[in-house]
Protein backbone atom coordinates (compact mmCIF):
# COMPACT_ATOMS: atom_id res chain seq x y z
CA MET A 1 0.00 0.00 0.00
CA GLU A 2 1.26 3.46 -0.95
CA SER A 3 1.00 6.62 1.14
CA PHE A 4 1.72 10.33 1.17
CA PHE A 5 1.25 13.17 3.64
CA SER A 6 -1.71 15.35 2.73
CA SER A 7 -1.12 18.99 3.61
CA ILE A 8 -4.88 19.58 3.22
CA ALA A 9 -5.98 16.91 5.71
CA ASN A 10 -2.78 17.12 7.76
CA CYS A 11 -2.53 13.34 7.81
CA ARG A 12 -1.15 10.38 5.89
CA VAL A 13 -3.43 9.19 3.08
CA ARG A 14 -3.08 5.66 1.74
CA TRP A 15 -4.08 3.95 -1.49
CA LEU A 16 -3.59 0.79 -3.53
CA ASP A 17 -1.96 1.20 -6.93
CA LEU A 18 -2.87 -2.03 -8.75
CA PRO A 19 -0.74 -2.40 -11.87
CA GLY A 20 -2.19 -2.86 -15.31
CA SER A 21 -2.38 -1.44 -18.79
CA GLY A 22 -4.21 1.49 -20.27
CA THR A 23 -5.19 4.80 -18.73
CA PRO A 24 -5.59 4.35 -14.96
CA LEU A 25 -8.96 4.56 -13.24
CA VAL A 26 -9.05 6.27 -9.84
CA PHE A 27 -11.69 4.94 -7.40
CA VAL A 28 -13.28 7.08 -4.65
CA HIS A 29 -15.56 5.36 -2.13
CA GLY A 30 -18.74 6.38 -0.36
CA LEU A 31 -19.75 7.16 3.23
CA GLY A 32 -18.41 4.69 5.77
CA CYS A 33 -16.61 2.72 3.06
CA ALA A 34 -13.00 2.27 1.88
CA SER A 35 -11.79 1.71 -1.66
CA SER A 36 -9.17 -0.79 -0.44
CA TYR A 37 -12.02 -2.88 1.00
CA GLU A 38 -14.73 -2.43 -1.62
CA TYR A 39 -13.08 -2.39 -5.04
CA PRO A 40 -10.40 -5.12 -5.27
CA ARG A 41 -13.11 -7.60 -6.27
CA VAL A 42 -14.26 -5.21 -9.03
CA VAL A 43 -10.74 -4.65 -10.33
CA ALA A 44 -9.92 -8.37 -10.18
CA ASP A 45 -12.91 -9.29 -12.34
CA LYS A 46 -12.06 -10.43 -15.87
CA ASN A 47 -14.36 -7.74 -17.26
CA PHE A 48 -12.03 -5.05 -15.94
CA ALA A 49 -9.48 -6.33 -18.47
CA GLY A 50 -6.34 -5.69 -16.44
CA ARG A 51 -6.57 -1.89 -16.35
CA ARG A 52 -4.39 -0.02 -13.85
CA ALA A 53 -6.49 0.98 -10.83
CA ILE A 54 -5.82 3.41 -8.00
CA LEU A 55 -7.99 2.73 -4.95
CA ILE A 56 -8.04 5.69 -2.56
CA ASP A 57 -8.95 5.45 1.12
CA LEU A 58 -10.10 8.96 2.01
CA PRO A 59 -8.92 10.57 5.27
CA GLY A 60 -10.95 9.06 8.10
CA TYR A 61 -11.52 5.76 6.31
CA GLY A 62 -9.82 2.42 5.69
CA TYR A 63 -6.04 2.51 6.05
CA SER A 64 -5.74 6.30 5.90
CA GLU A 65 -5.18 8.30 9.06
CA LYS A 66 -8.14 9.79 10.91
CA PRO A 67 -7.36 13.19 12.41
CA LYS A 68 -10.04 14.65 14.67
CA ASP A 69 -9.45 18.22 13.50
CA PHE A 70 -10.16 17.70 9.77
CA ILE A 71 -13.49 19.00 8.43
CA TYR A 72 -14.32 15.89 6.32
CA SER A 73 -16.60 17.93 4.06
CA ILE A 74 -17.23 16.97 0.46
CA THR A 75 -15.21 19.96 -0.70
CA GLU A 76 -12.23 19.17 1.54
CA GLN A 77 -12.24 15.50 0.52
CA ALA A 78 -12.36 16.56 -3.14
CA ALA A 79 -9.30 18.72 -2.53
CA VAL A 80 -7.48 15.69 -1.08
CA VAL A 81 -8.35 13.58 -4.14
CA ALA A 82 -6.98 16.30 -6.43
CA GLU A 83 -3.90 16.61 -4.21
CA LEU A 84 -3.21 12.88 -4.45
CA ILE A 85 -3.63 12.81 -8.23
CA SER A 86 -1.18 15.70 -8.48
CA HIS A 87 1.23 13.79 -6.21
CA LEU A 88 1.00 10.79 -8.54
CA SER A 89 1.82 13.00 -11.55
CA LEU A 90 -0.82 11.23 -13.64
CA LYS A 91 -0.77 12.59 -17.17
CA LYS A 92 -4.09 10.95 -18.09
CA PHE A 93 -6.67 9.25 -15.86
CA PHE A 94 -10.32 8.41 -15.36
CA LEU A 95 -12.20 9.21 -12.15
CA TYR A 96 -14.93 7.05 -10.60
CA GLY A 97 -16.90 7.74 -7.45
CA HIS A 98 -19.85 6.01 -5.79
CA SER A 99 -22.54 7.66 -3.65
CA MET A 100 -20.73 10.25 -1.46
CA GLY A 101 -17.64 9.46 -3.53
CA GLY A 102 -19.58 10.52 -6.62
CA SER A 103 -20.24 13.95 -5.12
CA ILE A 104 -16.57 14.19 -4.14
CA CYS A 105 -15.50 13.30 -7.70
CA ILE A 106 -17.86 15.87 -9.20
CA GLU A 107 -16.17 18.59 -7.14
CA ALA A 108 -12.70 17.13 -7.73
CA SER A 109 -13.32 17.25 -11.49
CA GLN A 110 -13.50 21.03 -11.28
CA ARG A 111 -9.92 21.01 -9.97
CA LEU A 112 -8.61 18.42 -12.44
CA ALA A 113 -9.02 19.86 -15.91
CA GLU A 114 -5.55 18.69 -16.87
CA GLY A 115 -5.43 14.98 -17.61
CA LEU A 116 -8.98 13.98 -16.68
CA CYS A 117 -10.27 11.89 -19.61
CA ALA A 118 -13.76 11.24 -18.24
CA LEU A 119 -15.85 11.12 -15.07
CA ILE A 120 -17.96 8.15 -14.00
CA VAL A 121 -20.31 8.34 -11.01
CA SER A 122 -22.72 5.78 -9.63
CA GLU A 123 -25.79 6.89 -7.68
CA PRO A 124 -24.13 10.05 -6.35
CA ASN A 125 -25.68 12.58 -4.01
CA PHE A 126 -26.81 15.22 -6.50
CA HIS A 127 -28.68 17.55 -4.10
CA PRO A 128 -28.63 18.77 -0.49
CA GLY A 129 -30.58 16.73 2.04
CA GLY A 130 -28.56 13.52 2.22
CA GLY A 131 -29.72 9.94 1.88
CA PHE A 132 -31.22 7.47 4.33
CA PHE A 133 -28.01 6.76 6.27
CA SER A 134 -26.86 10.39 6.31
CA LYS A 135 -30.17 11.46 7.84
CA GLN A 136 -30.07 8.60 10.34
CA ILE A 137 -26.50 9.45 11.40
CA CYS A 138 -27.16 13.19 11.74
CA SER A 139 -30.36 12.69 13.73
CA TYR A 140 -27.86 12.53 16.62
CA THR A 141 -25.36 15.15 17.68
CA GLU A 142 -21.78 14.50 16.63
CA ASP A 143 -20.72 13.86 20.24
CA ASN A 144 -23.55 11.39 20.81
CA TYR A 145 -22.89 9.60 17.52
CA VAL A 146 -19.17 9.28 18.24
CA ALA A 147 -19.65 8.17 21.85
CA ARG A 148 -22.24 5.43 21.36
CA ILE A 149 -24.29 5.38 18.13
CA HIS A 150 -21.50 4.47 15.70
CA THR A 151 -20.73 1.24 17.57
CA SER A 152 -24.39 0.21 17.63
CA LEU A 153 -24.79 1.05 13.92
CA VAL A 154 -21.88 -1.28 13.10
CA ALA A 155 -23.36 -4.01 15.32
CA ASP A 156 -26.76 -3.73 13.66
CA GLU A 157 -25.41 -3.75 10.08
CA THR A 158 -25.64 -7.22 8.53
CA GLY A 159 -24.25 -6.44 5.08
CA PRO A 160 -20.70 -5.95 3.79
CA TRP A 161 -20.83 -2.26 4.79
CA ALA A 162 -20.23 -3.34 8.39
CA GLY A 163 -16.62 -4.26 7.62
CA SER A 164 -15.50 -0.84 6.39
CA LEU A 165 -17.80 1.08 8.74
CA SER A 166 -16.19 -0.66 11.72
CA VAL A 167 -12.77 0.87 10.92
CA ALA A 168 -14.03 4.29 9.81
CA ALA A 169 -13.57 7.16 12.25
CA PRO A 170 -16.98 8.00 13.75
CA TRP A 171 -16.26 11.75 13.52
CA ALA A 172 -15.40 11.35 9.82
CA VAL A 173 -18.67 9.51 9.17
CA TRP A 174 -20.78 12.07 11.04
CA ARG A 175 -19.12 15.08 9.40
CA GLY A 176 -19.33 13.47 5.96
CA ALA A 177 -23.05 12.81 6.47
CA ASP A 178 -23.54 16.37 7.72
CA SER A 179 -21.82 17.73 4.61
CA LEU A 180 -24.09 15.65 2.37
CA ILE A 181 -27.15 17.04 4.16
CA THR A 182 -25.89 20.63 3.90
CA GLY A 183 -25.10 19.78 0.31
CA SER A 184 -24.39 21.65 -2.88
CA ASN A 185 -25.92 21.70 -6.35
CA TRP A 186 -23.81 18.76 -7.55
CA PHE A 187 -26.32 17.99 -10.29
CA GLU A 188 -25.72 21.33 -12.00
CA ILE A 189 -21.96 21.01 -11.63
CA PHE A 190 -22.10 17.52 -13.13
CA ALA A 191 -24.31 18.62 -16.00
CA HIS A 192 -21.99 21.48 -16.98
CA LEU A 193 -18.64 19.69 -16.76
CA LYS A 194 -17.06 19.80 -20.22
CA ILE A 195 -15.74 16.23 -20.20
CA PRO A 196 -17.26 12.85 -21.11
CA LYS A 197 -19.49 11.62 -18.27
CA ASN A 198 -21.36 8.48 -17.34
CA LEU A 199 -24.03 8.04 -14.67
CA ILE A 200 -24.47 4.46 -13.44
CA PHE A 201 -27.51 3.16 -11.53
CA GLY A 202 -28.47 -0.27 -10.30
CA GLU A 203 -31.78 -1.36 -11.78
CA SER A 204 -33.29 -1.84 -8.31
CA SER A 205 -32.72 1.87 -7.62
CA LEU A 206 -34.90 2.93 -10.54
CA PRO A 207 -37.06 4.79 -11.35
CA ASP A 208 -35.15 7.91 -10.34
CA SER A 209 -35.94 11.47 -11.45
CA ASP A 210 -32.30 12.56 -11.62
CA PHE A 211 -31.41 9.56 -13.77
CA THR A 212 -34.23 10.45 -16.17
CA LYS A 213 -33.16 14.10 -16.28
CA VAL A 214 -29.55 13.14 -17.05
CA GLN A 215 -30.80 11.03 -19.95
CA THR A 216 -32.63 14.06 -21.38
CA LEU A 217 -29.32 15.97 -21.29
CA LYS A 218 -27.78 13.38 -23.64
CA ILE A 219 -25.24 12.33 -21.00
CA THR A 220 -24.28 8.65 -21.07
CA THR A 221 -26.19 6.49 -18.60
CA THR A 222 -25.79 2.83 -17.70
CA VAL A 223 -28.15 0.51 -15.82
CA LEU A 224 -26.60 -2.48 -14.05
CA PRO A 225 -28.80 -5.58 -13.74
CA ASP A 226 -29.47 -7.53 -10.54
CA CYS A 227 -28.34 -4.85 -8.11
CA GLY A 228 -29.22 -1.61 -6.37
CA HIS A 229 -27.17 1.00 -4.57
CA SER A 230 -24.61 -1.53 -3.26
CA MET A 231 -23.63 -2.53 -6.79
CA SER A 232 -19.97 -3.30 -6.05
CA TRP A 233 -21.13 -6.07 -3.72
CA GLU A 234 -24.30 -7.18 -5.46
CA ASN A 235 -22.97 -7.35 -9.02
CA PRO A 236 -19.25 -6.52 -9.17
CA SER A 237 -18.84 -8.15 -12.58
CA ALA A 238 -21.44 -5.87 -14.18
CA LEU A 239 -19.81 -2.81 -12.60
CA SER A 240 -16.40 -3.93 -13.87
CA ASP A 241 -17.76 -4.34 -17.36
CA ALA A 242 -19.46 -0.91 -17.36
CA LEU A 243 -16.35 0.87 -16.08
CA ASP A 244 -13.98 -0.75 -18.55
CA ALA A 245 -16.33 -0.30 -21.51
CA PHE A 246 -16.75 3.43 -20.88
CA CYS A 247 -13.03 3.94 -20.32
CA LYS A 248 -12.20 2.17 -23.60
CA MET A 249 -14.51 4.59 -25.42
CA HIS A 250 -12.52 7.58 -24.11
CA GLU A 251 -8.90 6.40 -23.97
């Protein structure tokens, strides 16, 4: 695992750089997740075709450090992603983010005009207000969530999310959820980015008004079968295929 010291987060950020051919794809995970935990199975799938993959663990998550004084907002996390890509001196790359990671990648794309071949997001937060888990988390104060709720949320979670959530910093999770609720107009930013874009949804998450609106804007959309929001766990092979196919179109 690689690492560097982020001057933005004032901590050491870690990532997996999985070797392969072609233009690399950078992965950014969602709330309570970690790319090092969630995406190796996607990258290892035959449909990914041996492309180089960079799997970032954001500050507060996975193997990265978890300072208590970092803001953990979408904007600050986007700045860290851009900082890491600059550190890697990538001349060309693709960017993929899921859920909260999609919102982070939308903001990061504004900072990454040089070298960014295309942006792929799957079921991102497009608007203020947050999703089910963000609202649940922020129904408690940060102090209360950190002291007792985070542990019970991990204990009650029966899906794969429990693994990465258990090693995420509770303060990072709460502040990330709070930032999603405060929100920004990520839909408008996404719509106006002057790069190739792809919006991915699991078929179980449809119908969705934002997905329909993106289709009317003539932006590429992809529907993955046999899955919903947790597509990397429910159908990793289909996600691998969609990512590689879109990247090949924009090498």
